[in-house]
Amino acid sequence: MSVRSSVPGIAIVAALSLVACDAVPSTKTTTTTTTTTEGPAAPTAQAAPLTPSGTPETLTVADASEGDDGLQWAAGVVRIDQIPGDSAKLFGTAGGDPAMNGLYTYIAFYLSPAEGWAVYRIGDFLDYTVLSHAKGRIDLDVHESTYDQAKGEIGDRHRKIIVQWTQGAEDTVPTAVTVTPAS
C-alpha cells in the first residue's frame, strides 16, 4: 500500500472520531479523567458549559492546496507522549487494519527548526504504556494483536520492550536507536 493511498483512510478515521464527539453538551457538571505520561490521573471536575457572548465565526475546511499538505498527516496522530529530559517524543498514528493493531508507533528526536525531527518507527501495536524512562531509554509495555494462522483466530498479547538510543554530539541525530525485548 502506498503512503498516498492510506491518506483517505486516515481522513475517514478522523471524521468518524469527530462525529462521535458531536454529542449535545449536558447542562450538568461532569467528571473527566485526564491521562499523562505518568499514567491516569485522578478524576477532575469539569466546569459548567460556557454561555455564548458574541457572534459565532464559521470555519472552513483547511485545504491542503493552501500549502500545508502535512495537515492530513497531522490529523492522523492519535497519541503523543513527551519524553522528559530529552528533545524526544513517542507518537502514534492511526492506520492499517484496526482489527490487527493499527497504532503505528514512532520515536522522534527534535533536531532544529531547519532540520525538523529524526523519526524512527518502533512498531505497529494496539496500544502501549510507558513503564519508565531515563536519559537515552524508555521502557514500554506494548499490547498487540496476534494471528493464529492454523485456527484463523486473532488474539492479543502484552510484551515489554526497551527503546534505547545514543544521542549524537550536540543533540544531532542519535547514532543508534534499538528496540530490545525485555521481561
Protein backbone atom coordinates (compact mmCIF):
# COMPACT_ATOMS: atom_id res chain seq x y z
CA MET A 1 0.00 0.00 0.00
CA SER A 2 1.39 3.38 -0.89
CA VAL A 3 1.56 6.29 1.52
CA ARG A 4 -0.88 8.31 -0.60
CA SER A 5 -3.49 5.51 -0.64
CA SER A 6 -3.64 5.49 3.18
CA VAL A 7 -4.50 9.22 3.40
CA PRO A 8 -8.24 8.70 2.65
CA GLY A 9 -8.33 6.01 5.35
CA ILE A 10 -6.77 8.38 7.86
CA ALA A 11 -9.27 11.09 6.89
CA ILE A 12 -12.19 8.66 7.38
CA VAL A 13 -10.92 7.63 10.83
CA ALA A 14 -10.52 11.30 11.81
CA ALA A 15 -14.01 12.16 10.51
CA LEU A 16 -15.61 9.26 12.40
CA SER A 17 -13.81 10.34 15.56
CA LEU A 18 -15.17 13.86 15.19
CA VAL A 19 -18.73 12.63 14.53
CA ALA A 20 -18.56 10.51 17.70
CA CYS A 21 -17.67 13.66 19.65
CA ASP A 22 -20.71 15.67 18.45
CA ALA A 23 -22.94 14.77 21.40
CA VAL A 24 -25.19 17.53 22.73
CA PRO A 25 -23.48 19.06 25.78
CA SER A 26 -25.10 18.37 29.11
CA THR A 27 -26.06 21.24 31.38
CA LYS A 28 -24.80 19.45 34.47
CA THR A 29 -21.19 19.27 35.65
CA THR A 30 -19.41 16.11 34.55
CA THR A 31 -16.24 14.37 35.66
CA THR A 32 -13.41 13.50 33.30
CA THR A 33 -10.16 11.60 33.71
CA THR A 34 -7.00 13.02 32.24
CA THR A 35 -4.06 10.86 31.19
CA THR A 36 -0.44 11.92 31.43
CA THR A 37 2.79 10.19 30.52
CA GLU A 38 2.90 9.11 34.17
CA GLY A 39 -0.41 7.21 33.86
CA PRO A 40 -4.05 8.03 34.60
CA ALA A 41 -4.64 10.94 36.92
CA ALA A 42 -7.40 11.28 39.46
CA PRO A 43 -10.80 12.37 38.08
CA THR A 44 -11.14 16.15 37.90
CA ALA A 45 -14.32 18.23 37.99
CA GLN A 46 -15.19 19.94 34.73
CA ALA A 47 -16.62 23.45 34.63
CA ALA A 48 -20.19 24.13 33.57
CA PRO A 49 -20.66 24.73 29.82
CA LEU A 50 -19.89 28.27 28.63
CA THR A 51 -22.62 30.72 27.61
CA PRO A 52 -22.19 32.39 24.19
CA SER A 53 -21.41 36.11 24.39
CA GLY A 54 -20.82 37.04 20.77
CA THR A 55 -21.45 36.17 17.13
CA PRO A 56 -20.18 32.76 16.03
CA GLU A 57 -17.48 32.59 13.36
CA THR A 58 -17.98 29.94 10.68
CA LEU A 59 -14.86 27.91 9.98
CA THR A 60 -13.89 26.39 6.64
CA VAL A 61 -12.18 23.09 5.95
CA ALA A 62 -8.40 23.54 5.88
CA ASP A 63 -7.42 22.89 2.27
CA ALA A 64 -4.16 21.07 1.62
CA SER A 65 -3.77 23.14 -1.56
CA GLU A 66 -3.20 26.17 0.68
CA GLY A 67 0.38 24.98 1.09
CA ASP A 68 0.15 22.78 4.20
CA ASP A 69 -0.33 19.24 2.90
CA GLY A 70 1.00 17.98 6.25
CA LEU A 71 -2.41 18.64 7.81
CA GLN A 72 -3.74 15.24 6.71
CA TRP A 73 -0.77 13.52 8.30
CA ALA A 74 -1.06 15.60 11.47
CA ALA A 75 -4.74 14.66 11.77
CA GLY A 76 -3.68 11.01 11.80
CA VAL A 77 -1.67 11.46 15.02
CA VAL A 78 -3.76 9.95 17.79
CA ARG A 79 -1.29 9.83 20.67
CA ILE A 80 1.76 11.82 21.85
CA ASP A 81 3.98 11.19 24.89
CA GLN A 82 6.79 13.65 25.64
CA ILE A 83 9.97 12.05 26.95
CA PRO A 84 11.13 14.13 29.92
CA GLY A 85 14.78 15.20 29.85
CA ASP A 86 15.23 14.60 26.12
CA SER A 87 14.25 16.50 22.98
CA ALA A 88 12.20 13.46 22.05
CA LYS A 89 8.66 12.15 21.98
CA LEU A 90 6.76 8.96 21.31
CA PHE A 91 3.79 9.27 19.00
CA GLY A 92 1.29 7.02 17.30
CA THR A 93 -0.69 7.43 14.10
CA ALA A 94 -3.92 5.64 13.19
CA GLY A 95 -3.59 3.33 10.26
CA GLY A 96 -3.72 -0.18 8.96
CA ASP A 97 -6.41 -2.67 9.90
CA PRO A 98 -7.94 -1.70 13.27
CA ALA A 99 -8.74 -5.39 13.89
CA MET A 100 -4.99 -6.12 13.87
CA ASN A 101 -3.04 -3.44 15.71
CA GLY A 102 -3.24 -0.10 13.85
CA LEU A 103 -1.27 2.24 16.15
CA TYR A 104 1.89 2.89 14.18
CA THR A 105 4.28 3.87 16.96
CA TYR A 106 7.35 6.08 16.49
CA ILE A 107 10.06 7.82 18.48
CA ALA A 108 11.13 11.24 17.21
CA PHE A 109 14.07 13.45 18.14
CA TYR A 110 13.94 17.19 17.56
CA LEU A 111 16.99 18.47 15.73
CA SER A 112 16.38 22.12 14.80
CA PRO A 113 13.83 24.36 13.07
CA ALA A 114 15.67 23.85 9.77
CA GLU A 115 16.03 20.06 10.09
CA GLY A 116 12.82 19.19 11.93
CA TRP A 117 12.59 15.73 13.50
CA ALA A 118 14.50 12.47 13.08
CA VAL A 119 11.76 9.81 13.22
CA TYR A 120 12.20 6.07 13.89
CA ARG A 121 9.37 3.51 13.66
CA ILE A 122 9.16 1.28 16.75
CA GLY A 123 6.29 -0.95 15.64
CA ASP A 124 2.60 -1.47 14.97
CA PHE A 125 0.59 -2.08 18.18
CA LEU A 126 -2.91 -1.82 19.63
CA ASP A 127 -1.55 0.42 22.40
CA TYR A 128 1.48 0.99 24.60
CA THR A 129 2.15 2.02 28.17
CA VAL A 130 5.26 3.91 29.25
CA LEU A 131 6.63 1.95 32.22
CA SER A 132 9.71 4.08 32.94
CA HIS A 133 12.19 6.44 31.32
CA ALA A 134 15.76 7.55 31.85
CA LYS A 135 18.23 9.54 29.78
CA GLY A 136 18.52 7.70 26.45
CA ARG A 137 16.00 4.99 27.34
CA ILE A 138 12.30 4.31 27.66
CA ASP A 139 10.66 1.06 28.79
CA LEU A 140 7.32 0.13 27.24
CA ASP A 141 4.60 -2.45 27.73
CA VAL A 142 3.11 -3.00 24.27
CA HIS A 143 -0.30 -4.52 23.68
CA GLU A 144 -0.51 -6.09 20.24
CA SER A 145 -2.65 -8.37 18.11
CA THR A 146 -1.52 -11.86 17.21
CA TYR A 147 -2.84 -14.14 14.49
CA ASP A 148 -3.05 -17.93 14.82
CA GLN A 149 -2.88 -18.98 11.19
CA ALA A 150 -3.78 -22.63 11.92
CA LYS A 151 -7.03 -21.65 13.71
CA GLY A 152 -7.66 -18.44 11.75
CA GLU A 153 -8.12 -16.54 15.03
CA ILE A 154 -6.97 -13.13 16.18
CA GLY A 155 -5.65 -12.97 19.72
CA ASP A 156 -3.64 -10.48 21.70
CA ARG A 157 -0.66 -10.29 23.99
CA HIS A 158 1.37 -7.92 26.10
CA ARG A 159 5.14 -7.80 25.88
CA LYS A 160 7.77 -5.47 27.24
CA ILE A 161 10.42 -3.71 25.19
CA ILE A 162 13.31 -1.33 25.88
CA VAL A 163 13.79 1.51 23.40
CA GLN A 164 17.31 2.85 23.80
CA TRP A 165 19.32 5.46 21.93
CA THR A 166 22.75 7.02 21.93
CA GLN A 167 22.43 10.73 21.35
CA GLY A 168 24.81 12.21 18.80
CA ALA A 169 27.11 15.12 19.62
CA GLU A 170 25.34 18.43 20.31
CA ASP A 171 21.84 16.91 20.02
CA THR A 172 22.28 15.68 16.43
CA VAL A 173 20.53 12.58 15.11
CA PRO A 174 21.04 9.66 17.51
CA THR A 175 23.95 7.45 16.48
CA ALA A 176 21.89 4.34 17.31
CA VAL A 177 18.28 3.55 18.23
CA THR A 178 17.49 -0.01 19.32
CA VAL A 179 14.43 -1.98 20.46
CA THR A 180 15.18 -4.91 22.78
CA PRO A 181 12.73 -7.49 24.17
CA ALA A 182 12.54 -7.34 27.97
CA SER A 183 10.99 -9.14 30.90
